[in-house]
PDB file of N, CA and C in Angstrom:
ATOM      1  N   UNK A   1       5.982   6.244  -5.940  1.00  0.00           N
ATOM      2  CA  UNK A   1       5.054   5.088  -5.984  1.00  0.00           C
ATOM      3  C   UNK A   1       6.247   3.650  -5.501  1.00  0.00           C
ATOM      4  N   UNK A   2       6.004   3.631  -4.416  1.00  0.00           N
ATOM      5  CA  UNK A   2       6.943   1.873  -3.621  1.00  0.00           C
ATOM      6  C   UNK A   2       6.332   0.886  -4.511  1.00  0.00           C
ATOM      7  N   UNK A   3       7.411   0.117  -5.319  1.00  0.00           N
ATOM      8  CA  UNK A   3       6.626  -1.307  -5.678  1.00  0.00           C
ATOM      9  C   UNK A   3       6.645  -2.390  -5.071  1.00  0.00           C
ATOM     10  N   UNK A   4       6.704  -2.424  -3.591  1.00  0.00           N
ATOM     11  CA  UNK A   4       6.482  -3.547  -2.987  1.00  0.00           C
ATOM     12  C   UNK A   4       6.064  -2.756  -1.545  1.00  0.00           C
ATOM     13  N   UNK A   5       5.382  -3.889  -1.037  1.00  0.00           N
ATOM     14  CA  UNK A   5       4.555  -3.796   0.695  1.00  0.00           C
ATOM     15  C   UNK A   5       6.032  -3.648   1.043  1.00  0.00           C
ATOM     16  N   UNK A   6       5.934  -2.837   2.439  1.00  0.00           N
ATOM     17  CA  UNK A   6       7.166  -2.507   3.616  1.00  0.00           C
ATOM     18  C   UNK A   6       7.207  -3.701   4.361  1.00  0.00           C
ATOM     19  N   UNK A   7       6.428  -4.737   4.222  1.00  0.00           N
ATOM     20  CA  UNK A   7       5.945  -5.246   5.601  1.00  0.00           C
ATOM     21  C   UNK A   7       6.511  -6.977   4.514  1.00  0.00           C
ATOM     22  N   UNK A   8       5.656  -7.595   3.964  1.00  0.00           N
ATOM     23  CA  UNK A   8       6.337  -8.862   3.474  1.00  0.00           C
ATOM     24  C   UNK A   8       6.858  -8.374   1.537  1.00  0.00           C
ATOM     25  N   UNK A   9       7.247  -7.635   1.292  1.00  0.00           N
ATOM     26  CA  UNK A   9       7.851  -7.362   0.037  1.00  0.00           C
ATOM     27  C   UNK A   9       7.121  -8.014  -0.918  1.00  0.00           C
ATOM     28  N   UNK A  10       6.045  -7.778  -1.126  1.00  0.00           N
ATOM     29  CA  UNK A  10       4.728  -8.460  -2.145  1.00  0.00           C
ATOM     30  C   UNK A  10       5.219  -7.594  -3.229  1.00  0.00           C
ATOM     31  N   UNK A  11       5.402  -7.929  -4.484  1.00  0.00           N
ATOM     32  CA  UNK A  11       5.623  -6.865  -5.619  1.00  0.00           C
ATOM     33  C   UNK A  11       3.888  -6.148  -5.673  1.00  0.00           C
ATOM     34  N   UNK A  12       4.191  -5.070  -6.284  1.00  0.00           N
ATOM     35  CA  UNK A  12       2.733  -4.027  -6.468  1.00  0.00           C
ATOM     36  C   UNK A  12       2.784  -3.303  -7.600  1.00  0.00           C
ATOM     37  N   UNK A  13       2.985  -3.665  -8.328  1.00  0.00           N
ATOM     38  CA  UNK A  13       3.042  -2.891  -9.680  1.00  0.00           C
ATOM     39  C   UNK A  13       1.761  -1.903  -9.445  1.00  0.00           C
ATOM     40  N   UNK A  14       2.426  -0.644 -11.046  1.00  0.00           N
ATOM     41  CA  UNK A  14       1.479   0.441 -10.469  1.00  0.00           C
ATOM     42  C   UNK A  14      -0.175   0.099 -10.928  1.00  0.00           C
ATOM     43  N   UNK A  15      -0.603  -0.610 -11.629  1.00  0.00           N
ATOM     44  CA  UNK A  15      -2.145  -0.903 -11.960  1.00  0.00           C
ATOM     45  C   UNK A  15      -2.443  -2.078 -10.775  1.00  0.00           C
ATOM     46  N   UNK A  16      -1.589  -2.018  -9.696  1.00  0.00           N
ATOM     47  CA  UNK A  16      -1.865  -2.915  -8.583  1.00  0.00           C
ATOM     48  C   UNK A  16      -3.609  -2.993  -7.589  1.00  0.00           C
ATOM     49  N   UNK A  17      -4.543  -3.470  -7.762  1.00  0.00           N
ATOM     50  CA  UNK A  17      -5.836  -3.131  -6.959  1.00  0.00           C
ATOM     51  C   UNK A  17      -5.158  -3.617  -5.385  1.00  0.00           C
ATOM     52  N   UNK A  18      -4.233  -4.296  -5.055  1.00  0.00           N
ATOM     53  CA  UNK A  18      -3.967  -4.527  -3.708  1.00  0.00           C
ATOM     54  C   UNK A  18      -3.112  -3.609  -3.045  1.00  0.00           C
ATOM     55  N   UNK A  19      -2.234  -2.396  -3.592  1.00  0.00           N
ATOM     56  CA  UNK A  19      -1.630  -1.943  -2.897  1.00  0.00           C
ATOM     57  C   UNK A  19      -2.625  -0.647  -2.165  1.00  0.00           C
ATOM     58  N   UNK A  20      -1.962  -0.366  -0.963  1.00  0.00           N
ATOM     59  CA  UNK A  20      -2.399   0.452   0.023  1.00  0.00           C
ATOM     60  C   UNK A  20      -1.322   1.708   0.560  1.00  0.00           C
ATOM     61  N   UNK A  21      -2.116   2.620   0.829  1.00  0.00           N
ATOM     62  CA  UNK A  21      -0.467   3.821   1.413  1.00  0.00           C
ATOM     63  C   UNK A  21      -1.612   4.892   2.273  1.00  0.00           C
ATOM     64  N   UNK A  22      -0.783   5.114   2.845  1.00  0.00           N
ATOM     65  CA  UNK A  22      -1.275   6.049   3.984  1.00  0.00           C
ATOM     66  C   UNK A  22      -0.840   7.413   3.385  1.00  0.00           C
ATOM     67  N   UNK A  23      -1.512   8.448   4.546  1.00  0.00           N
ATOM     68  CA  UNK A  23      -1.592   9.786   4.098  1.00  0.00           C
ATOM     69  C   UNK A  23       0.116  10.073   4.036  1.00  0.00           C
ATOM     70  N   UNK A  24       1.101   9.408   4.575  1.00  0.00           N
ATOM     71  CA  UNK A  24       2.736   9.959   4.139  1.00  0.00           C
ATOM     72  C   UNK A  24       3.283   8.403   2.966  1.00  0.00           C
ATOM     73  N   UNK A  25       2.381   8.251   1.887  1.00  0.00           N
ATOM     74  CA  UNK A  25       2.496   7.286   1.209  1.00  0.00           C
ATOM     75  C   UNK A  25       3.421   6.314   1.273  1.00  0.00           C
ATOM     76  N   UNK A  26       3.093   5.660   2.924  1.00  0.00           N
ATOM     77  CA  UNK A  26       3.782   4.469   3.432  1.00  0.00           C
ATOM     78  C   UNK A  26       3.021   3.205   2.541  1.00  0.00           C
ATOM     79  N   UNK A  27       3.369   2.580   2.015  1.00  0.00           N
ATOM     80  CA  UNK A  27       2.893   1.625   1.293  1.00  0.00           C
ATOM     81  C   UNK A  27       2.717  -0.627   1.387  1.00  0.00           C
ATOM     82  N   UNK A  28       1.585  -0.722   1.731  1.00  0.00           N
ATOM     83  CA  UNK A  28       1.668  -1.926   2.230  1.00  0.00           C
ATOM     84  C   UNK A  28       0.805  -2.425   1.311  1.00  0.00           C
ATOM     85  N   UNK A  29       0.513  -3.843   0.969  1.00  0.00           N
ATOM     86  CA  UNK A  29      -0.347  -4.909   0.860  1.00  0.00           C
ATOM     87  C   UNK A  29      -1.809  -5.131   1.348  1.00  0.00           C
ATOM     88  N   UNK A  30      -2.574  -5.047   0.757  1.00  0.00           N
ATOM     89  CA  UNK A  30      -4.161  -5.264   1.237  1.00  0.00           C
ATOM     90  C   UNK A  30      -4.149  -6.485   2.088  1.00  0.00           C
ATOM     91  N   UNK A  31      -3.668  -7.494   2.202  1.00  0.00           N
ATOM     92  CA  UNK A  31      -3.417  -8.584   2.770  1.00  0.00           C
ATOM     93  C   UNK A  31      -2.600  -8.663   4.138  1.00  0.00           C
ATOM     94  N   UNK A  32      -1.521  -7.666   4.448  1.00  0.00           N
ATOM     95  CA  UNK A  32      -0.810  -7.033   5.727  1.00  0.00           C
ATOM     96  C   UNK A  32      -1.324  -5.997   6.327  1.00  0.00           C
ATOM     97  N   UNK A  33      -2.486  -4.748   5.444  1.00  0.00           N
ATOM     98  CA  UNK A  33      -3.081  -3.697   6.185  1.00  0.00           C
ATOM     99  C   UNK A  33      -4.006  -4.522   6.997  1.00  0.00           C
ATOM    100  N   UNK A  34      -4.887  -5.679   6.333  1.00  0.00           N
ATOM    101  CA  UNK A  34      -6.357  -6.192   6.925  1.00  0.00           C
ATOM    102  C   UNK A  34      -5.551  -6.941   8.145  1.00  0.00           C
ATOM    103  N   UNK A  35      -4.806  -8.009   7.828  1.00  0.00           N
ATOM    104  CA  UNK A  35      -4.384  -8.756   8.855  1.00  0.00           C
ATOM    105  C   UNK A  35      -3.224  -8.640   9.778  1.00  0.00           C
ATOM    106  N   UNK A  36      -2.614  -8.024   9.437  1.00  0.00           N
ATOM    107  CA  UNK A  36      -1.444  -7.908  10.584  1.00  0.00           C
ATOM    108  C   UNK A  36      -1.224  -6.569  11.033  1.00  0.00           C
ATOM    109  N   UNK A  37      -1.328  -5.343   9.919  1.00  0.00           N
ATOM    110  CA  UNK A  37      -1.576  -4.090  10.815  1.00  0.00           C
ATOM    111  C   UNK A  37      -2.828  -3.192  11.589  1.00  0.00           C
ATOM    112  N   UNK A  38      -3.924  -3.711  10.985  1.00  0.00           N
ATOM    113  CA  UNK A  38      -5.332  -3.786  11.605  1.00  0.00           C
ATOM    114  C   UNK A  38      -5.514  -2.544  11.028  1.00  0.00           C
ATOM    115  N   UNK A  39      -5.019  -2.139   9.835  1.00  0.00           N
ATOM    116  CA  UNK A  39      -5.689  -0.839   9.453  1.00  0.00           C
ATOM    117  C   UNK A  39      -4.547   0.251   9.721  1.00  0.00           C
ATOM    118  N   UNK A  40      -3.831   0.086  10.513  1.00  0.00           N
ATOM    119  CA  UNK A  40      -2.974   1.396  11.363  1.00  0.00           C
ATOM    120  C   UNK A  40      -1.399   1.531  10.424  1.00  0.00           C
ATOM    121  N   UNK A  41      -0.941   2.280   9.991  1.00  0.00           N
ATOM    122  CA  UNK A  41       0.296   2.131   9.563  1.00  0.00           C
ATOM    123  C   UNK A  41       1.680   2.030  11.097  1.00  0.00           C
ATOM    124  N   UNK A  42       2.447   1.090  10.880  1.00  0.00           N
ATOM    125  CA  UNK A  42       3.191   1.227  11.679  1.00  0.00           C
ATOM    126  C   UNK A  42       4.473   2.236  11.641  1.00  0.00           C
ATOM    127  N   UNK A  43       4.273   3.043  10.583  1.00  0.00           N
ATOM    128  CA  UNK A  43       5.180   4.154  10.039  1.00  0.00           C
ATOM    129  C   UNK A  43       4.979   5.368  10.854  1.00  0.00           C
ATOM    130  N   UNK A  44       3.842   5.649  10.899  1.00  0.00           N
ATOM    131  CA  UNK A  44       3.031   6.995  11.369  1.00  0.00           C
ATOM    132  C   UNK A  44       1.831   6.803  11.900  1.00  0.00           C
ATOM    133  N   UNK A  45       1.112   5.707  12.283  1.00  0.00           N
ATOM    134  CA  UNK A  45      -0.081   5.700  12.943  1.00  0.00           C
ATOM    135  C   UNK A  45      -1.261   6.298  12.284  1.00  0.00           C
ATOM    136  N   UNK A  46      -1.184   6.455  10.967  1.00  0.00           N
ATOM    137  CA  UNK A  46      -2.298   6.798  10.251  1.00  0.00           C
ATOM    138  C   UNK A  46      -3.303   5.372   9.698  1.00  0.00           C
ATOM    139  N   UNK A  47      -4.469   5.906   8.983  1.00  0.00           N
ATOM    140  CA  UNK A  47      -4.975   4.615   8.205  1.00  0.00           C
ATOM    141  C   UNK A  47      -4.713   4.382   6.922  1.00  0.00           C
ATOM    142  N   UNK A  48      -5.711   3.521   6.081  1.00  0.00           N
ATOM    143  CA  UNK A  48      -4.996   3.222   4.839  1.00  0.00           C
ATOM    144  C   UNK A  48      -6.408   3.089   3.708  1.00  0.00           C
ATOM    145  N   UNK A  49      -5.858   3.720   2.872  1.00  0.00           N
ATOM    146  CA  UNK A  49      -6.571   3.990   1.627  1.00  0.00           C
ATOM    147  C   UNK A  49      -6.517   3.374   0.449  1.00  0.00           C
ATOM    148  N   UNK A  50      -6.722   3.193  -0.654  1.00  0.00           N
ATOM    149  CA  UNK A  50      -6.659   2.073  -1.582  1.00  0.00           C
ATOM    150  C   UNK A  50      -5.087   3.262  -2.349  1.00  0.00           C
ATOM    151  N   UNK A  51      -4.566   2.594  -2.545  1.00  0.00           N
ATOM    152  CA  UNK A  51      -3.435   3.846  -3.916  1.00  0.00           C
ATOM    153  C   UNK A  51      -4.197   3.353  -4.883  1.00  0.00           C
ATOM    154  N   UNK A  52      -3.886   4.751  -5.710  1.00  0.00           N
ATOM    155  CA  UNK A  52      -4.779   5.136  -7.074  1.00  0.00           C
ATOM    156  C   UNK A  52      -3.471   4.528  -7.753  1.00  0.00           C
ATOM    157  N   UNK A  53      -4.435   4.018  -8.726  1.00  0.00           N
ATOM    158  CA  UNK A  53      -4.077   3.210  -9.891  1.00  0.00           C
ATOM    159  C   UNK A  53      -3.363   4.260 -11.130  1.00  0.00           C
ATOM    160  N   UNK A  54      -1.994   3.839 -11.206  1.00  0.00           N
ATOM    161  CA  UNK A  54      -1.419   5.097 -12.476  1.00  0.00           C
ATOM    162  C   UNK A  54      -1.422   3.854 -13.551  1.00  0.00           C
ATOM    163  N   UNK A  55      -2.302   4.794 -14.728  1.00  0.00           N
ATOM    164  CA  UNK A  55      -1.751   4.302 -16.035  1.00  0.00           C
ATOM    165  C   UNK A  55      -1.294   4.661 -17.006  1.00  0.00           C
ATOM    166  N   UNK A  56      -0.862   3.603 -17.853  1.00  0.00           N
ATOM    167  CA  UNK A  56       0.275   4.373 -18.521  1.00  0.00           C
ATOM    168  C   UNK A  56       0.169   4.466 -19.786  1.00  0.00           C
ATOM    169  N   UNK A  57       0.263   5.480 -20.167  1.00  0.00           N
ATOM    170  CA  UNK A  57      -0.123   6.249 -21.503  1.00  0.00           C
ATOM    171  C   UNK A  57       0.716   5.866 -22.424  1.00  0.00           C
ATOM    172  N   UNK A  58       1.091   5.706 -23.662  1.00  0.00           N
ATOM    173  CA  UNK A  58       1.801   5.912 -24.383  1.00  0.00           C
ATOM    174  C   UNK A  58       1.899   7.094 -25.836  1.00  0.00           C
TER     175      UNK A  58
END
């Protein structure tokens, strides 16, 4: 799980609702996906989905 957007380096914590991933788990923030990347991964050409939120259990 990548901790930052690959474009703007915004922090994307495990519980971030802003994290978006493609099928290869390239990771970007929702702002970059919508405004700059136009929902197309620059690495593999795939589309994005919200990254599942990882819950931390103790």
